PDB file of all heavy atoms in Angstrom:
ATOM      1  N   ASP A   1     -24.425   2.045 -21.310  1.00  0.00           N
ATOM      2  CA  ASP A   1     -24.009   1.113 -20.263  1.00  0.00           C
ATOM      3  C   ASP A   1     -23.674   1.880 -18.975  1.00  0.00           C
ATOM      4  O   ASP A   1     -23.707   3.114 -18.946  1.00  0.00           O
ATOM      5  CB  ASP A   1     -22.812   0.291 -20.728  1.00  0.00           C
ATOM      6  CG  ASP A   1     -21.596   1.123 -21.085  1.00  0.00           C
ATOM      7  OD1 ASP A   1     -21.650   2.362 -20.957  1.00  0.00           O
ATOM      8  OD2 ASP A   1     -20.584   0.541 -21.481  1.00  0.00           O
ATOM      9  N   ARG A   2     -23.366   1.106 -17.930  1.00  0.00           N
ATOM     10  CA  ARG A   2     -22.999   1.676 -16.636  1.00  0.00           C
ATOM     11  C   ARG A   2     -21.844   0.871 -16.038  1.00  0.00           C
ATOM     12  O   ARG A   2     -22.036   0.113 -15.098  1.00  0.00           O
ATOM     13  CB  ARG A   2     -24.191   1.633 -15.680  1.00  0.00           C
ATOM     14  CG  ARG A   2     -25.235   2.641 -16.013  1.00  0.00           C
ATOM     15  CD  ARG A   2     -26.084   2.922 -14.806  1.00  0.00           C
ATOM     16  NE  ARG A   2     -26.892   4.084 -15.091  1.00  0.00           N
ATOM     17  CZ  ARG A   2     -28.195   4.147 -14.896  1.00  0.00           C
ATOM     18  NH1 ARG A   2     -28.814   3.145 -14.384  1.00  0.00           N
ATOM     19  NH2 ARG A   2     -28.827   5.239 -15.192  1.00  0.00           N
ATOM     20  N   PRO A   3     -20.634   1.069 -16.531  1.00  0.00           N
ATOM     21  CA  PRO A   3     -19.502   0.359 -15.938  1.00  0.00           C
ATOM     22  C   PRO A   3     -19.265   0.830 -14.508  1.00  0.00           C
ATOM     23  O   PRO A   3     -19.456   2.008 -14.197  1.00  0.00           O
ATOM     24  CB  PRO A   3     -18.319   0.720 -16.828  1.00  0.00           C
ATOM     25  CG  PRO A   3     -18.840   1.586 -17.918  1.00  0.00           C
ATOM     26  CD  PRO A   3     -20.245   1.886 -17.655  1.00  0.00           C
ATOM     27  N   SER A   4     -18.853  -0.107 -13.653  1.00  0.00           N
ATOM     28  CA  SER A   4     -18.554   0.230 -12.269  1.00  0.00           C
ATOM     29  C   SER A   4     -17.488  -0.729 -11.768  1.00  0.00           C
ATOM     30  O   SER A   4     -17.160  -1.716 -12.412  1.00  0.00           O
ATOM     31  CB  SER A   4     -19.815   0.106 -11.400  1.00  0.00           C
ATOM     32  OG  SER A   4     -20.289  -1.226 -11.410  1.00  0.00           O
ATOM     33  N   GLY A   5     -16.928  -0.413 -10.615  1.00  0.00           N
ATOM     34  CA  GLY A   5     -15.919  -1.288 -10.049  1.00  0.00           C
ATOM     35  C   GLY A   5     -15.190  -0.627  -8.882  1.00  0.00           C
ATOM     36  O   GLY A   5     -15.658   0.361  -8.318  1.00  0.00           O
ATOM     37  N   LEU A   6     -14.023  -1.184  -8.583  1.00  0.00           N
ATOM     38  CA  LEU A   6     -13.229  -0.731  -7.452  1.00  0.00           C
ATOM     39  C   LEU A   6     -11.942  -0.085  -7.950  1.00  0.00           C
ATOM     40  O   LEU A   6     -11.446  -0.404  -9.024  1.00  0.00           O
ATOM     41  CB  LEU A   6     -12.861  -1.911  -6.555  1.00  0.00           C
ATOM     42  CG  LEU A   6     -14.037  -2.704  -5.991  1.00  0.00           C
ATOM     43  CD1 LEU A   6     -13.531  -3.953  -5.275  1.00  0.00           C
ATOM     44  CD2 LEU A   6     -14.859  -1.837  -5.059  1.00  0.00           C
ATOM     45  N   PHE A   7     -11.397   0.837  -7.149  1.00  0.00           N
ATOM     46  CA  PHE A   7     -10.113   1.465  -7.502  1.00  0.00           C
ATOM     47  C   PHE A   7      -9.252   1.639  -6.267  1.00  0.00           C
ATOM     48  O   PHE A   7      -9.745   1.726  -5.147  1.00  0.00           O
ATOM     49  CB  PHE A   7     -10.337   2.818  -8.192  1.00  0.00           C
ATOM     50  CG  PHE A   7     -10.936   3.861  -7.306  1.00  0.00           C
ATOM     51  CD1 PHE A   7     -10.125   4.670  -6.491  1.00  0.00           C
ATOM     52  CD2 PHE A   7     -12.309   4.054  -7.254  1.00  0.00           C
ATOM     53  CE1 PHE A   7     -10.692   5.628  -5.671  1.00  0.00           C
ATOM     54  CE2 PHE A   7     -12.877   5.012  -6.444  1.00  0.00           C
ATOM     55  CZ  PHE A   7     -12.063   5.808  -5.637  1.00  0.00           C
ATOM     56  N   THR A   8      -7.956   1.655  -6.505  1.00  0.00           N
ATOM     57  CA  THR A   8      -6.955   1.979  -5.504  1.00  0.00           C
ATOM     58  C   THR A   8      -5.982   2.963  -6.128  1.00  0.00           C
ATOM     59  O   THR A   8      -5.448   2.693  -7.210  1.00  0.00           O
ATOM     60  CB  THR A   8      -6.182   0.733  -5.026  1.00  0.00           C
ATOM     61  OG1 THR A   8      -7.102  -0.224  -4.512  1.00  0.00           O
ATOM     62  CG2 THR A   8      -5.177   1.092  -3.950  1.00  0.00           C
ATOM     63  N   LEU A   9      -5.793   4.108  -5.496  1.00  0.00           N
ATOM     64  CA  LEU A   9      -4.900   5.146  -6.000  1.00  0.00           C
ATOM     65  C   LEU A   9      -3.785   5.400  -4.996  1.00  0.00           C
ATOM     66  O   LEU A   9      -4.063   5.476  -3.788  1.00  0.00           O
ATOM     67  CB  LEU A   9      -5.644   6.458  -6.235  1.00  0.00           C
ATOM     68  CG  LEU A   9      -6.873   6.400  -7.140  1.00  0.00           C
ATOM     69  CD1 LEU A   9      -7.576   7.753  -7.134  1.00  0.00           C
ATOM     70  CD2 LEU A   9      -6.473   6.003  -8.537  1.00  0.00           C
ATOM     71  N   LEU A  10      -2.565   5.542  -5.462  1.00  0.00           N
ATOM     72  CA  LEU A  10      -1.460   5.961  -4.618  1.00  0.00           C
ATOM     73  C   LEU A  10      -1.140   7.395  -4.965  1.00  0.00           C
ATOM     74  O   LEU A  10      -0.845   7.720  -6.121  1.00  0.00           O
ATOM     75  CB  LEU A  10      -0.229   5.057  -4.854  1.00  0.00           C
ATOM     76  CG  LEU A  10       1.029   5.446  -4.081  1.00  0.00           C
ATOM     77  CD1 LEU A  10       0.785   5.425  -2.574  1.00  0.00           C
ATOM     78  CD2 LEU A  10       2.166   4.526  -4.444  1.00  0.00           C
ATOM     79  N   PHE A  11      -1.259   8.265  -3.965  1.00  0.00           N
ATOM     80  CA  PHE A  11      -0.950   9.692  -4.143  1.00  0.00           C
ATOM     81  C   PHE A  11       0.417   9.996  -3.534  1.00  0.00           C
ATOM     82  O   PHE A  11       0.785   9.427  -2.523  1.00  0.00           O
ATOM     83  CB  PHE A  11      -1.986  10.558  -3.398  1.00  0.00           C
ATOM     84  CG  PHE A  11      -3.270  10.757  -4.151  1.00  0.00           C
ATOM     85  CD1 PHE A  11      -4.244   9.769  -4.143  1.00  0.00           C
ATOM     86  CD2 PHE A  11      -3.510  11.937  -4.839  1.00  0.00           C
ATOM     87  CE1 PHE A  11      -5.440   9.963  -4.812  1.00  0.00           C
ATOM     88  CE2 PHE A  11      -4.696  12.126  -5.518  1.00  0.00           C
ATOM     89  CZ  PHE A  11      -5.671  11.139  -5.505  1.00  0.00           C
ATOM     90  N   LYS A  12       1.116  10.926  -4.178  1.00  0.00           N
ATOM     91  CA  LYS A  12       2.403  11.414  -3.676  1.00  0.00           C
ATOM     92  C   LYS A  12       2.391  12.942  -3.723  1.00  0.00           C
ATOM     93  O   LYS A  12       1.934  13.527  -4.706  1.00  0.00           O
ATOM     94  CB  LYS A  12       3.535  10.862  -4.532  1.00  0.00           C
ATOM     95  CG  LYS A  12       4.917  11.267  -4.057  1.00  0.00           C
ATOM     96  CD  LYS A  12       5.994  10.610  -4.909  1.00  0.00           C
ATOM     97  CE  LYS A  12       7.368  10.974  -4.417  1.00  0.00           C
ATOM     98  NZ  LYS A  12       8.436  10.338  -5.201  1.00  0.00           N
ATOM     99  N   ARG A  13       2.884  13.550  -2.649  1.00  0.00           N
ATOM    100  CA  ARG A  13       2.979  15.012  -2.653  1.00  0.00           C
ATOM    101  C   ARG A  13       4.265  15.396  -3.372  1.00  0.00           C
ATOM    102  O   ARG A  13       5.347  15.032  -2.975  1.00  0.00           O
ATOM    103  CB  ARG A  13       3.006  15.555  -1.228  1.00  0.00           C
ATOM    104  CG  ARG A  13       2.946  17.080  -1.199  1.00  0.00           C
ATOM    105  CD  ARG A  13       3.275  17.702   0.141  1.00  0.00           C
ATOM    106  NE  ARG A  13       2.788  16.989   1.284  1.00  0.00           N
ATOM    107  CZ  ARG A  13       1.853  17.432   2.122  1.00  0.00           C
ATOM    108  NH1 ARG A  13       1.292  18.604   1.920  1.00  0.00           N
ATOM    109  NH2 ARG A  13       1.511  16.720   3.154  1.00  0.00           N
ATOM    110  N   LEU A  14       4.109  16.164  -4.442  1.00  0.00           N
ATOM    111  CA  LEU A  14       5.218  16.661  -5.242  1.00  0.00           C
ATOM    112  C   LEU A  14       5.275  18.178  -5.082  1.00  0.00           C
ATOM    113  O   LEU A  14       4.330  18.778  -4.538  1.00  0.00           O
ATOM    114  CB  LEU A  14       5.033  16.263  -6.698  1.00  0.00           C
ATOM    115  CG  LEU A  14       4.975  14.759  -6.975  1.00  0.00           C
ATOM    116  CD1 LEU A  14       4.596  14.497  -8.418  1.00  0.00           C
ATOM    117  CD2 LEU A  14       6.305  14.114  -6.631  1.00  0.00           C
ATOM    118  N   PRO A  15       6.320  18.837  -5.546  1.00  0.00           N
ATOM    119  CA  PRO A  15       6.381  20.289  -5.455  1.00  0.00           C
ATOM    120  C   PRO A  15       5.142  20.984  -6.052  1.00  0.00           C
ATOM    121  O   PRO A  15       4.704  22.022  -5.566  1.00  0.00           O
ATOM    122  CB  PRO A  15       7.648  20.660  -6.212  1.00  0.00           C
ATOM    123  CG  PRO A  15       8.522  19.454  -6.056  1.00  0.00           C
ATOM    124  CD  PRO A  15       7.569  18.284  -6.089  1.00  0.00           C
ATOM    125  N   ALA A  16       4.559  20.401  -7.094  1.00  0.00           N
ATOM    126  CA  ALA A  16       3.383  20.992  -7.730  1.00  0.00           C
ATOM    127  C   ALA A  16       2.086  20.633  -7.017  1.00  0.00           C
ATOM    128  O   ALA A  16       1.016  21.101  -7.399  1.00  0.00           O
ATOM    129  CB  ALA A  16       3.293  20.522  -9.188  1.00  0.00           C
ATOM    130  N   GLY A  17       2.142  19.803  -5.968  1.00  0.00           N
ATOM    131  CA  GLY A  17       0.942  19.402  -5.231  1.00  0.00           C
ATOM    132  C   GLY A  17       0.775  17.874  -5.248  1.00  0.00           C
ATOM    133  O   GLY A  17       1.639  17.148  -5.701  1.00  0.00           O
ATOM    134  N   TRP A  18      -0.346  17.421  -4.703  1.00  0.00           N
ATOM    135  CA  TRP A  18      -0.637  15.987  -4.652  1.00  0.00           C
ATOM    136  C   TRP A  18      -0.944  15.474  -6.048  1.00  0.00           C
ATOM    137  O   TRP A  18      -1.729  16.071  -6.787  1.00  0.00           O
ATOM    138  CB  TRP A  18      -1.826  15.706  -3.725  1.00  0.00           C
ATOM    139  CG  TRP A  18      -1.503  15.870  -2.277  1.00  0.00           C
ATOM    140  CD1 TRP A  18      -1.652  16.975  -1.529  1.00  0.00           C
ATOM    141  CD2 TRP A  18      -0.927  14.869  -1.432  1.00  0.00           C
ATOM    142  NE1 TRP A  18      -1.219  16.742  -0.248  1.00  0.00           N
ATOM    143  CE2 TRP A  18      -0.775  15.463  -0.159  1.00  0.00           C
ATOM    144  CE3 TRP A  18      -0.532  13.546  -1.628  1.00  0.00           C
ATOM    145  CZ2 TRP A  18      -0.256  14.755   0.908  1.00  0.00           C
ATOM    146  CZ3 TRP A  18      -0.009  12.858  -0.542  1.00  0.00           C
ATOM    147  CH2 TRP A  18       0.134  13.448   0.703  1.00  0.00           C
ATOM    148  N   ARG A  19      -0.321  14.362  -6.409  1.00  0.00           N
ATOM    149  CA  ARG A  19      -0.519  13.756  -7.719  1.00  0.00           C
ATOM    150  C   ARG A  19      -0.708  12.234  -7.570  1.00  0.00           C
ATOM    151  O   ARG A  19      -0.119  11.598  -6.699  1.00  0.00           O
ATOM    152  CB  ARG A  19       0.699  13.981  -8.637  1.00  0.00           C
ATOM    153  CG  ARG A  19       1.005  15.437  -8.918  1.00  0.00           C
ATOM    154  CD  ARG A  19      -0.120  16.058  -9.757  1.00  0.00           C
ATOM    155  NE  ARG A  19       0.199  17.395 -10.181  1.00  0.00           N
ATOM    156  CZ  ARG A  19      -0.225  18.518  -9.591  1.00  0.00           C
ATOM    157  NH1 ARG A  19      -0.951  18.428  -8.512  1.00  0.00           N
ATOM    158  NH2 ARG A  19       0.105  19.697 -10.062  1.00  0.00           N
ATOM    159  N   ILE A  20      -1.545  11.662  -8.450  1.00  0.00           N
ATOM    160  CA  ILE A  20      -1.704  10.213  -8.505  1.00  0.00           C
ATOM    161  C   ILE A  20      -0.489   9.642  -9.206  1.00  0.00           C
ATOM    162  O   ILE A  20      -0.200  10.016 -10.335  1.00  0.00           O
ATOM    163  CB  ILE A  20      -2.988   9.815  -9.259  1.00  0.00           C
ATOM    164  CG1 ILE A  20      -4.208  10.365  -8.525  1.00  0.00           C
ATOM    165  CG2 ILE A  20      -3.062   8.305  -9.414  1.00  0.00           C
ATOM    166  CD1 ILE A  20      -5.504  10.242  -9.309  1.00  0.00           C
ATOM    167  N   VAL A  21       0.216   8.720  -8.534  1.00  0.00           N
ATOM    168  CA  VAL A  21       1.391   8.114  -9.135  1.00  0.00           C
ATOM    169  C   VAL A  21       1.155   6.646  -9.495  1.00  0.00           C
ATOM    170  O   VAL A  21       1.976   6.031 -10.166  1.00  0.00           O
ATOM    171  CB  VAL A  21       2.644   8.273  -8.236  1.00  0.00           C
ATOM    172  CG1 VAL A  21       3.023   9.725  -8.102  1.00  0.00           C
ATOM    173  CG2 VAL A  21       2.451   7.621  -6.873  1.00  0.00           C
ATOM    174  N   HIS A  22       0.023   6.102  -9.001  1.00  0.00           N
ATOM    175  CA  HIS A  22      -0.326   4.725  -9.373  1.00  0.00           C
ATOM    176  C   HIS A  22      -1.838   4.591  -9.277  1.00  0.00           C
ATOM    177  O   HIS A  22      -2.461   5.071  -8.316  1.00  0.00           O
ATOM    178  CB  HIS A  22       0.341   3.722  -8.434  1.00  0.00           C
ATOM    179  CG  HIS A  22      -0.002   2.302  -8.753  1.00  0.00           C
ATOM    180  ND1 HIS A  22       0.641   1.620  -9.759  1.00  0.00           N
ATOM    181  CD2 HIS A  22      -0.917   1.466  -8.255  1.00  0.00           C
ATOM    182  CE1 HIS A  22       0.132   0.397  -9.829  1.00  0.00           C
ATOM    183  NE2 HIS A  22      -0.818   0.298  -8.934  1.00  0.00           N
ATOM    184  N   ASP A  23      -2.430   3.947 -10.272  1.00  0.00           N
ATOM    185  CA  ASP A  23      -3.882   3.742 -10.317  1.00  0.00           C
ATOM    186  C   ASP A  23      -4.149   2.292 -10.672  1.00  0.00           C
ATOM    187  O   ASP A  23      -3.722   1.811 -11.716  1.00  0.00           O
ATOM    188  CB  ASP A  23      -4.493   4.673 -11.362  1.00  0.00           C
ATOM    189  CG  ASP A  23      -5.981   4.437 -11.597  1.00  0.00           C
ATOM    190  OD1 ASP A  23      -6.579   3.522 -11.005  1.00  0.00           O
ATOM    191  OD2 ASP A  23      -6.561   5.218 -12.360  1.00  0.00           O
ATOM    192  N   HIS A  24      -4.849   1.586  -9.800  1.00  0.00           N
ATOM    193  CA  HIS A  24      -5.294   0.239 -10.113  1.00  0.00           C
ATOM    194  C   HIS A  24      -6.808   0.245 -10.062  1.00  0.00           C
ATOM    195  O   HIS A  24      -7.400   0.493  -9.013  1.00  0.00           O
ATOM    196  CB  HIS A  24      -4.739  -0.793  -9.128  1.00  0.00           C
ATOM    197  CG  HIS A  24      -5.232  -2.172  -9.423  1.00  0.00           C
ATOM    198  ND1 HIS A  24      -6.260  -2.748  -8.752  1.00  0.00           N
ATOM    199  CD2 HIS A  24      -4.857  -3.069 -10.374  1.00  0.00           C
ATOM    200  CE1 HIS A  24      -6.487  -3.958  -9.245  1.00  0.00           C
ATOM    201  NE2 HIS A  24      -5.659  -4.168 -10.229  1.00  0.00           N
ATOM    202  N   THR A  25      -7.453   0.029 -11.204  1.00  0.00           N
ATOM    203  CA  THR A  25      -8.906   0.045 -11.294  1.00  0.00           C
ATOM    204  C   THR A  25      -9.364  -1.302 -11.839  1.00  0.00           C
ATOM    205  O   THR A  25      -8.826  -1.791 -12.816  1.00  0.00           O
ATOM    206  CB  THR A  25      -9.362   1.181 -12.228  1.00  0.00           C
ATOM    207  OG1 THR A  25      -8.904   2.425 -11.688  1.00  0.00           O
ATOM    208  CG2 THR A  25     -10.857   1.214 -12.347  1.00  0.00           C
ATOM    209  N   ARG A  26     -10.355  -1.860 -11.164  1.00  0.00           N
ATOM    210  CA  ARG A  26     -10.903  -3.155 -11.580  1.00  0.00           C
ATOM    211  C   ARG A  26     -12.391  -2.965 -11.854  1.00  0.00           C
ATOM    212  O   ARG A  26     -13.181  -2.703 -10.963  1.00  0.00           O
ATOM    213  CB  ARG A  26     -10.720  -4.195 -10.480  1.00  0.00           C
ATOM    214  CG  ARG A  26     -11.246  -5.566 -10.851  1.00  0.00           C
ATOM    215  CD  ARG A  26     -11.010  -6.539  -9.725  1.00  0.00           C
ATOM    216  NE  ARG A  26     -11.690  -6.087  -8.506  1.00  0.00           N
ATOM    217  CZ  ARG A  26     -12.755  -6.666  -7.992  1.00  0.00           C
ATOM    218  NH1 ARG A  26     -13.268  -7.730  -8.540  1.00  0.00           N
ATOM    219  NH2 ARG A  26     -13.312  -6.199  -6.904  1.00  0.00           N
ATOM    220  N   ALA A  27     -12.737  -3.081 -13.126  1.00  0.00           N
ATOM    221  CA  ALA A  27     -14.125  -2.911 -13.528  1.00  0.00           C
ATOM    222  C   ALA A  27     -14.887  -4.233 -13.319  1.00  0.00           C
ATOM    223  O   ALA A  27     -14.354  -5.310 -13.582  1.00  0.00           O
ATOM    224  CB  ALA A  27     -14.227  -2.475 -14.968  1.00  0.00           C
ATOM    225  N   GLU A  28     -16.116  -4.081 -12.886  1.00  0.00           N
ATOM    226  CA  GLU A  28     -17.022  -5.227 -12.821  1.00  0.00           C
ATOM    227  C   GLU A  28     -17.691  -5.343 -14.173  1.00  0.00           C
ATOM    228  O   GLU A  28     -17.538  -4.483 -15.030  1.00  0.00           O
ATOM    229  CB  GLU A  28     -18.061  -4.987 -11.730  1.00  0.00           C
ATOM    230  CG  GLU A  28     -17.427  -4.866 -10.346  1.00  0.00           C
ATOM    231  CD  GLU A  28     -18.378  -4.319  -9.304  1.00  0.00           C
ATOM    232  OE1 GLU A  28     -19.407  -3.707  -9.676  1.00  0.00           O
ATOM    233  OE2 GLU A  28     -18.069  -4.498  -8.119  1.00  0.00           O
ATOM    234  N   ARG A  29     -18.449  -6.381 -14.386  1.00  0.00           N
ATOM    235  CA  ARG A  29     -19.137  -6.548 -15.663  1.00  0.00           C
ATOM    236  C   ARG A  29     -20.092  -5.367 -15.847  1.00  0.00           C
ATOM    237  O   ARG A  29     -20.906  -5.084 -14.976  1.00  0.00           O
ATOM    238  CB  ARG A  29     -19.911  -7.869 -15.652  1.00  0.00           C
ATOM    239  CG  ARG A  29     -20.720  -8.065 -16.924  1.00  0.00           C
ATOM    240  CD  ARG A  29     -21.381  -9.419 -16.955  1.00  0.00           C
ATOM    241  NE  ARG A  29     -20.326 -10.371 -17.230  1.00  0.00           N
ATOM    242  CZ  ARG A  29     -20.396 -11.653 -16.884  1.00  0.00           C
ATOM    243  NH1 ARG A  29     -21.437 -12.106 -16.242  1.00  0.00           N
ATOM    244  NH2 ARG A  29     -19.434 -12.476 -17.163  1.00  0.00           N
ATOM    245  N   PRO A  30     -20.027  -4.655 -16.988  1.00  0.00           N
ATOM    246  CA  PRO A  30     -20.885  -3.491 -17.190  1.00  0.00           C
ATOM    247  C   PRO A  30     -22.345  -3.886 -17.333  1.00  0.00           C
ATOM    248  O   PRO A  30     -22.661  -4.961 -17.842  1.00  0.00           O
ATOM    249  CB  PRO A  30     -20.358  -2.869 -18.470  1.00  0.00           C
ATOM    250  CG  PRO A  30     -19.592  -3.906 -19.170  1.00  0.00           C
ATOM    251  CD  PRO A  30     -19.117  -4.883 -18.107  1.00  0.00           C
ATOM    252  N   VAL A  31     -23.216  -3.007 -16.880  1.00  0.00           N
ATOM    253  CA  VAL A  31     -24.640  -3.184 -17.036  1.00  0.00           C
ATOM    254  C   VAL A  31     -25.050  -2.539 -18.348  1.00  0.00           C
ATOM    255  O   VAL A  31     -24.895  -1.323 -18.518  1.00  0.00           O
ATOM    256  CB  VAL A  31     -25.417  -2.547 -15.864  1.00  0.00           C
ATOM    257  CG1 VAL A  31     -26.925  -2.654 -16.100  1.00  0.00           C
ATOM    258  CG2 VAL A  31     -25.002  -3.179 -14.552  1.00  0.00           C
ATOM    259  N   LEU A  32     -25.519  -3.334 -19.306  1.00  0.00           N
ATOM    260  CA  LEU A  32     -25.935  -2.798 -20.600  1.00  0.00           C
ATOM    261  C   LEU A  32     -27.384  -2.344 -20.505  1.00  0.00           C
ATOM    262  O   LEU A  32     -28.233  -3.006 -19.943  1.00  0.00           O
ATOM    263  CB  LEU A  32     -25.783  -3.847 -21.695  1.00  0.00           C
ATOM    264  CG  LEU A  32     -24.382  -4.378 -21.907  1.00  0.00           C
ATOM    265  CD1 LEU A  32     -24.355  -5.468 -22.959  1.00  0.00           C
ATOM    266  CD2 LEU A  32     -23.433  -3.248 -22.303  1.00  0.00           C
TER     267      LEU A  32
END
């Protein structure tokens, strides 16, 4: 299959570097 879709990521700079602190991903109907 070939799943695809949209994403929104919230990054925050922490002492260890930039990290994703929130991920919202919306998949569309996969192509089989």
